[in-house]
Amino acid sequence: NFYLVCGDRHWQYHAVDPRGPEEFSSGALVDVNSRLGRKAGDPKSTDPEATIKQPYLQNPASGGFLHVTSLAAQTSQAAQLIFQHRDEHGKLLNQVVK
């Protein structure tokens, strides 16, 4: 499994490339710098053919951050990565466990 974490300057998202890699974006830190992102398939997007899946695209626009937690494997549980998109006050907006 391969995961990318990036800092998009305007919006939070989780995108899945058809070849497998997944990308998680932190988005803007504060509301004033945030805006809505374009959905895959939008003719004005960078993916007008909608080849990328977007399990999460922040709506409404707001500031925030991406919180990533790594949990070591335990006797009865495999290792985990937890990706949490949060608003600028820390409210959970989206969570993905891998």
N, C-alpha and C. Protein backbone atom coordinates (compact mmCIF):
# COMPACT_ATOMS: atom_id res chain seq x y z
N ASN A 1 0.84 -1.18 0.00
CA ASN A 1 0.00 0.00 0.00
C ASN A 1 0.88 1.24 0.00
N PHE A 2 0.41 2.27 -0.71
CA PHE A 2 1.18 3.51 -0.85
C PHE A 2 0.25 4.69 -0.63
N TYR A 3 0.61 5.56 0.32
CA TYR A 3 -0.22 6.72 0.65
C TYR A 3 0.62 7.98 0.54
N LEU A 4 0.04 9.02 -0.07
CA LEU A 4 0.67 10.32 -0.19
C LEU A 4 -0.05 11.29 0.73
N VAL A 5 0.70 12.11 1.43
CA VAL A 5 0.13 13.16 2.25
C VAL A 5 0.67 14.47 1.70
N CYS A 6 -0.25 15.36 1.35
CA CYS A 6 0.19 16.63 0.76
C CYS A 6 -0.55 17.79 1.39
N GLY A 7 -0.08 18.98 1.11
CA GLY A 7 -0.68 20.19 1.65
C GLY A 7 -1.27 21.04 0.55
N ASP A 8 -2.46 20.68 0.07
CA ASP A 8 -3.13 21.53 -0.90
C ASP A 8 -3.42 22.87 -0.24
N ARG A 9 -3.36 23.94 -0.97
CA ARG A 9 -3.50 25.25 -0.34
C ARG A 9 -4.94 25.70 -0.13
N HIS A 10 -5.93 24.96 -0.64
CA HIS A 10 -7.30 25.44 -0.54
C HIS A 10 -8.33 24.46 0.05
N TRP A 11 -8.20 23.17 -0.20
CA TRP A 11 -9.25 22.26 0.27
C TRP A 11 -8.69 20.92 0.69
N GLN A 12 -9.47 20.23 1.54
CA GLN A 12 -9.10 18.89 2.00
C GLN A 12 -9.73 17.86 1.06
N TYR A 13 -9.01 16.76 0.85
CA TYR A 13 -9.57 15.68 0.04
C TYR A 13 -8.85 14.36 0.30
N HIS A 14 -9.51 13.30 -0.13
CA HIS A 14 -8.93 11.95 -0.19
C HIS A 14 -9.20 11.49 -1.60
N ALA A 15 -8.15 11.18 -2.35
CA ALA A 15 -8.27 10.74 -3.74
C ALA A 15 -7.58 9.39 -3.92
N VAL A 16 -8.16 8.56 -4.79
CA VAL A 16 -7.60 7.23 -5.06
C VAL A 16 -7.32 7.12 -6.55
N ASP A 17 -6.04 6.93 -6.88
CA ASP A 17 -5.63 6.75 -8.27
C ASP A 17 -6.03 5.35 -8.72
N PRO A 18 -6.45 5.16 -9.96
CA PRO A 18 -6.84 3.82 -10.42
C PRO A 18 -5.71 2.78 -10.35
N ARG A 19 -4.46 3.23 -10.26
CA ARG A 19 -3.33 2.31 -10.13
C ARG A 19 -3.07 1.90 -8.69
N GLY A 20 -3.80 2.54 -7.73
CA GLY A 20 -3.68 2.12 -6.34
C GLY A 20 -3.28 3.16 -5.32
N PRO A 21 -2.33 4.06 -5.62
CA PRO A 21 -1.94 5.02 -4.59
C PRO A 21 -3.10 5.90 -4.14
N GLU A 22 -3.07 6.24 -2.85
CA GLU A 22 -4.10 7.11 -2.28
C GLU A 22 -3.43 8.39 -1.80
N GLU A 23 -4.14 9.51 -1.97
CA GLU A 23 -3.61 10.82 -1.60
C GLU A 23 -4.56 11.49 -0.61
N PHE A 24 -3.98 12.04 0.46
CA PHE A 24 -4.73 12.76 1.48
C PHE A 24 -4.18 14.17 1.55
N SER A 25 -5.04 15.18 1.45
CA SER A 25 -4.60 16.56 1.49
C SER A 25 -5.05 17.25 2.76
N SER A 26 -4.16 18.05 3.33
CA SER A 26 -4.45 18.77 4.56
C SER A 26 -5.36 19.98 4.34
N GLY A 27 -5.34 20.56 3.15
CA GLY A 27 -6.15 21.74 2.87
C GLY A 27 -5.59 22.99 3.51
N ALA A 28 -6.40 24.07 3.46
CA ALA A 28 -6.02 25.35 4.04
C ALA A 28 -6.12 25.28 5.56
N LEU A 29 -5.28 26.02 6.25
CA LEU A 29 -5.29 26.02 7.71
C LEU A 29 -6.45 26.84 8.27
N VAL A 30 -6.79 27.96 7.61
CA VAL A 30 -7.85 28.84 8.11
C VAL A 30 -8.93 29.04 7.05
N ASP A 31 -10.14 29.37 7.51
CA ASP A 31 -11.29 29.53 6.62
C ASP A 31 -11.04 30.51 5.47
N VAL A 32 -10.39 31.63 5.76
CA VAL A 32 -10.22 32.68 4.76
C VAL A 32 -9.43 32.20 3.53
N ASN A 33 -8.59 31.18 3.68
CA ASN A 33 -7.82 30.65 2.56
C ASN A 33 -8.44 29.42 1.91
N SER A 34 -9.60 28.99 2.39
CA SER A 34 -10.20 27.77 1.86
C SER A 34 -11.21 28.08 0.74
N ARG A 35 -11.45 27.09 -0.09
CA ARG A 35 -12.50 27.15 -1.11
C ARG A 35 -12.85 25.73 -1.48
N LEU A 36 -13.98 25.56 -2.17
CA LEU A 36 -14.38 24.22 -2.59
C LEU A 36 -13.47 23.71 -3.70
N GLY A 37 -13.18 22.42 -3.66
CA GLY A 37 -12.39 21.79 -4.71
C GLY A 37 -13.28 21.35 -5.86
N ARG A 38 -12.67 21.01 -6.96
CA ARG A 38 -13.41 20.50 -8.12
C ARG A 38 -13.48 18.98 -8.04
N LYS A 39 -14.63 18.44 -8.35
CA LYS A 39 -14.82 16.99 -8.34
C LYS A 39 -14.25 16.37 -9.60
N ALA A 40 -13.77 15.13 -9.46
CA ALA A 40 -13.33 14.38 -10.64
C ALA A 40 -14.51 14.30 -11.61
N GLY A 41 -14.24 14.51 -12.88
CA GLY A 41 -15.29 14.52 -13.89
C GLY A 41 -15.75 15.92 -14.27
N ASP A 42 -15.44 16.91 -13.45
CA ASP A 42 -15.75 18.30 -13.78
C ASP A 42 -14.88 18.70 -14.97
N PRO A 43 -15.46 19.23 -16.04
CA PRO A 43 -14.65 19.61 -17.21
C PRO A 43 -13.52 20.60 -16.90
N LYS A 44 -13.68 21.39 -15.83
CA LYS A 44 -12.65 22.37 -15.46
C LYS A 44 -11.65 21.81 -14.45
N SER A 45 -11.80 20.54 -14.06
CA SER A 45 -10.88 19.93 -13.10
C SER A 45 -9.63 19.42 -13.81
N THR A 46 -8.68 18.94 -13.03
CA THR A 46 -7.48 18.32 -13.60
C THR A 46 -7.75 16.87 -14.00
N ASP A 47 -8.97 16.39 -13.75
CA ASP A 47 -9.37 15.02 -14.09
C ASP A 47 -10.76 15.03 -14.76
N PRO A 48 -10.88 15.64 -15.93
CA PRO A 48 -12.20 15.72 -16.58
C PRO A 48 -12.76 14.35 -16.99
N GLU A 49 -11.91 13.34 -17.08
CA GLU A 49 -12.36 11.99 -17.45
C GLU A 49 -12.86 11.19 -16.25
N ALA A 50 -12.71 11.74 -15.05
CA ALA A 50 -13.13 11.09 -13.80
C ALA A 50 -12.45 9.74 -13.59
N THR A 51 -11.15 9.69 -13.82
CA THR A 51 -10.41 8.44 -13.59
C THR A 51 -10.03 8.28 -12.12
N ILE A 52 -9.96 9.38 -11.39
CA ILE A 52 -9.63 9.37 -9.97
C ILE A 52 -10.92 9.24 -9.16
N LYS A 53 -10.91 8.40 -8.14
CA LYS A 53 -12.04 8.31 -7.22
C LYS A 53 -11.78 9.29 -6.07
N GLN A 54 -12.83 9.94 -5.61
CA GLN A 54 -12.70 10.89 -4.51
C GLN A 54 -13.64 10.49 -3.38
N PRO A 55 -13.19 9.62 -2.47
CA PRO A 55 -14.06 9.24 -1.36
C PRO A 55 -14.41 10.41 -0.45
N TYR A 56 -13.56 11.45 -0.43
CA TYR A 56 -13.85 12.62 0.40
C TYR A 56 -13.37 13.88 -0.31
N LEU A 57 -14.27 14.86 -0.39
CA LEU A 57 -13.96 16.18 -0.91
C LEU A 57 -14.67 17.17 0.01
N GLN A 58 -13.93 17.97 0.72
CA GLN A 58 -14.47 18.85 1.75
C GLN A 58 -15.59 19.75 1.21
N ASN A 59 -16.71 19.76 1.94
CA ASN A 59 -17.84 20.61 1.59
C ASN A 59 -18.70 20.77 2.84
N PRO A 60 -18.85 21.96 3.37
CA PRO A 60 -18.47 23.25 2.81
C PRO A 60 -16.98 23.55 3.03
N ALA A 61 -16.51 24.55 2.31
CA ALA A 61 -15.11 24.96 2.44
C ALA A 61 -14.85 25.48 3.85
N SER A 62 -13.72 25.09 4.42
CA SER A 62 -13.31 25.60 5.73
C SER A 62 -11.83 25.32 5.93
N GLY A 63 -11.25 26.02 6.88
CA GLY A 63 -9.87 25.75 7.25
C GLY A 63 -9.81 24.46 8.05
N GLY A 64 -8.61 23.96 8.25
CA GLY A 64 -8.46 22.75 9.04
C GLY A 64 -7.10 22.12 8.88
N PHE A 65 -7.03 20.84 9.20
CA PHE A 65 -5.76 20.13 9.12
C PHE A 65 -6.00 18.64 8.96
N LEU A 66 -4.95 17.92 8.62
CA LEU A 66 -4.98 16.47 8.49
C LEU A 66 -4.20 15.88 9.65
N HIS A 67 -4.84 15.04 10.43
CA HIS A 67 -4.21 14.38 11.58
C HIS A 67 -3.99 12.92 11.20
N VAL A 68 -2.74 12.46 11.22
CA VAL A 68 -2.42 11.09 10.85
C VAL A 68 -1.84 10.38 12.08
N THR A 69 -2.39 9.22 12.41
CA THR A 69 -1.93 8.42 13.53
C THR A 69 -1.45 7.07 13.02
N SER A 70 -0.31 6.64 13.49
CA SER A 70 0.24 5.33 13.15
C SER A 70 0.18 4.45 14.39
N LEU A 71 -0.50 3.32 14.28
CA LEU A 71 -0.61 2.38 15.39
C LEU A 71 0.18 1.12 15.06
N ALA A 72 1.07 0.74 15.94
CA ALA A 72 1.89 -0.46 15.75
C ALA A 72 1.03 -1.71 15.82
N ALA A 73 1.48 -2.75 15.16
CA ALA A 73 0.77 -4.03 15.20
C ALA A 73 0.76 -4.57 16.63
N GLN A 74 -0.32 -5.19 16.98
CA GLN A 74 -0.48 -5.85 18.28
C GLN A 74 -0.67 -7.34 18.01
N THR A 75 -0.64 -8.13 19.02
CA THR A 75 -0.80 -9.57 18.87
C THR A 75 -2.06 -9.93 18.09
N SER A 76 -3.15 -9.24 18.40
CA SER A 76 -4.43 -9.58 17.77
C SER A 76 -4.88 -8.59 16.70
N GLN A 77 -4.01 -7.61 16.34
CA GLN A 77 -4.42 -6.59 15.38
C GLN A 77 -3.25 -6.16 14.51
N ALA A 78 -3.50 -6.00 13.22
CA ALA A 78 -2.47 -5.52 12.29
C ALA A 78 -2.18 -4.04 12.53
N ALA A 79 -1.04 -3.57 12.06
CA ALA A 79 -0.71 -2.15 12.15
C ALA A 79 -1.76 -1.34 11.40
N GLN A 80 -1.98 -0.10 11.84
CA GLN A 80 -2.98 0.75 11.21
C GLN A 80 -2.45 2.16 11.01
N LEU A 81 -2.96 2.81 9.95
CA LEU A 81 -2.80 4.24 9.75
C LEU A 81 -4.20 4.84 9.81
N ILE A 82 -4.35 5.90 10.58
CA ILE A 82 -5.65 6.57 10.69
C ILE A 82 -5.47 7.99 10.16
N PHE A 83 -6.23 8.31 9.12
CA PHE A 83 -6.21 9.64 8.51
C PHE A 83 -7.48 10.36 8.92
N GLN A 84 -7.33 11.52 9.57
CA GLN A 84 -8.49 12.28 10.03
C GLN A 84 -8.41 13.72 9.49
N HIS A 85 -9.42 14.09 8.69
CA HIS A 85 -9.55 15.49 8.28
C HIS A 85 -10.34 16.20 9.37
N ARG A 86 -9.81 17.33 9.82
CA ARG A 86 -10.45 18.09 10.90
C ARG A 86 -10.58 19.55 10.48
N ASP A 87 -11.61 20.23 11.02
CA ASP A 87 -11.73 21.65 10.74
C ASP A 87 -10.77 22.44 11.61
N GLU A 88 -10.77 23.77 11.48
CA GLU A 88 -9.76 24.56 12.20
C GLU A 88 -9.98 24.58 13.71
N HIS A 89 -11.11 24.06 14.18
CA HIS A 89 -11.36 23.95 15.62
C HIS A 89 -11.13 22.53 16.13
N GLY A 90 -10.72 21.62 15.24
CA GLY A 90 -10.43 20.24 15.63
C GLY A 90 -11.58 19.28 15.45
N LYS A 91 -12.74 19.76 14.97
CA LYS A 91 -13.90 18.88 14.76
C LYS A 91 -13.60 17.88 13.65
N LEU A 92 -13.89 16.61 13.90
CA LEU A 92 -13.66 15.55 12.92
C LEU A 92 -14.63 15.69 11.76
N LEU A 93 -14.10 15.75 10.53
CA LEU A 93 -14.91 15.86 9.32
C LEU A 93 -14.94 14.56 8.51
N ASN A 94 -13.85 13.81 8.57
CA ASN A 94 -13.72 12.59 7.78
C ASN A 94 -12.64 11.73 8.41
N GLN A 95 -12.84 10.40 8.39
CA GLN A 95 -11.83 9.49 8.92
C GLN A 95 -11.72 8.26 8.03
N VAL A 96 -10.47 7.88 7.78
CA VAL A 96 -10.17 6.68 6.99
C VAL A 96 -9.15 5.87 7.77
N VAL A 97 -9.42 4.58 7.95
CA VAL A 97 -8.49 3.69 8.66
C VAL A 97 -7.94 2.68 7.65
N LYS A 98 -6.64 2.58 7.58
CA LYS A 98 -5.96 1.66 6.66
C LYS A 98 -5.13 0.67 7.44
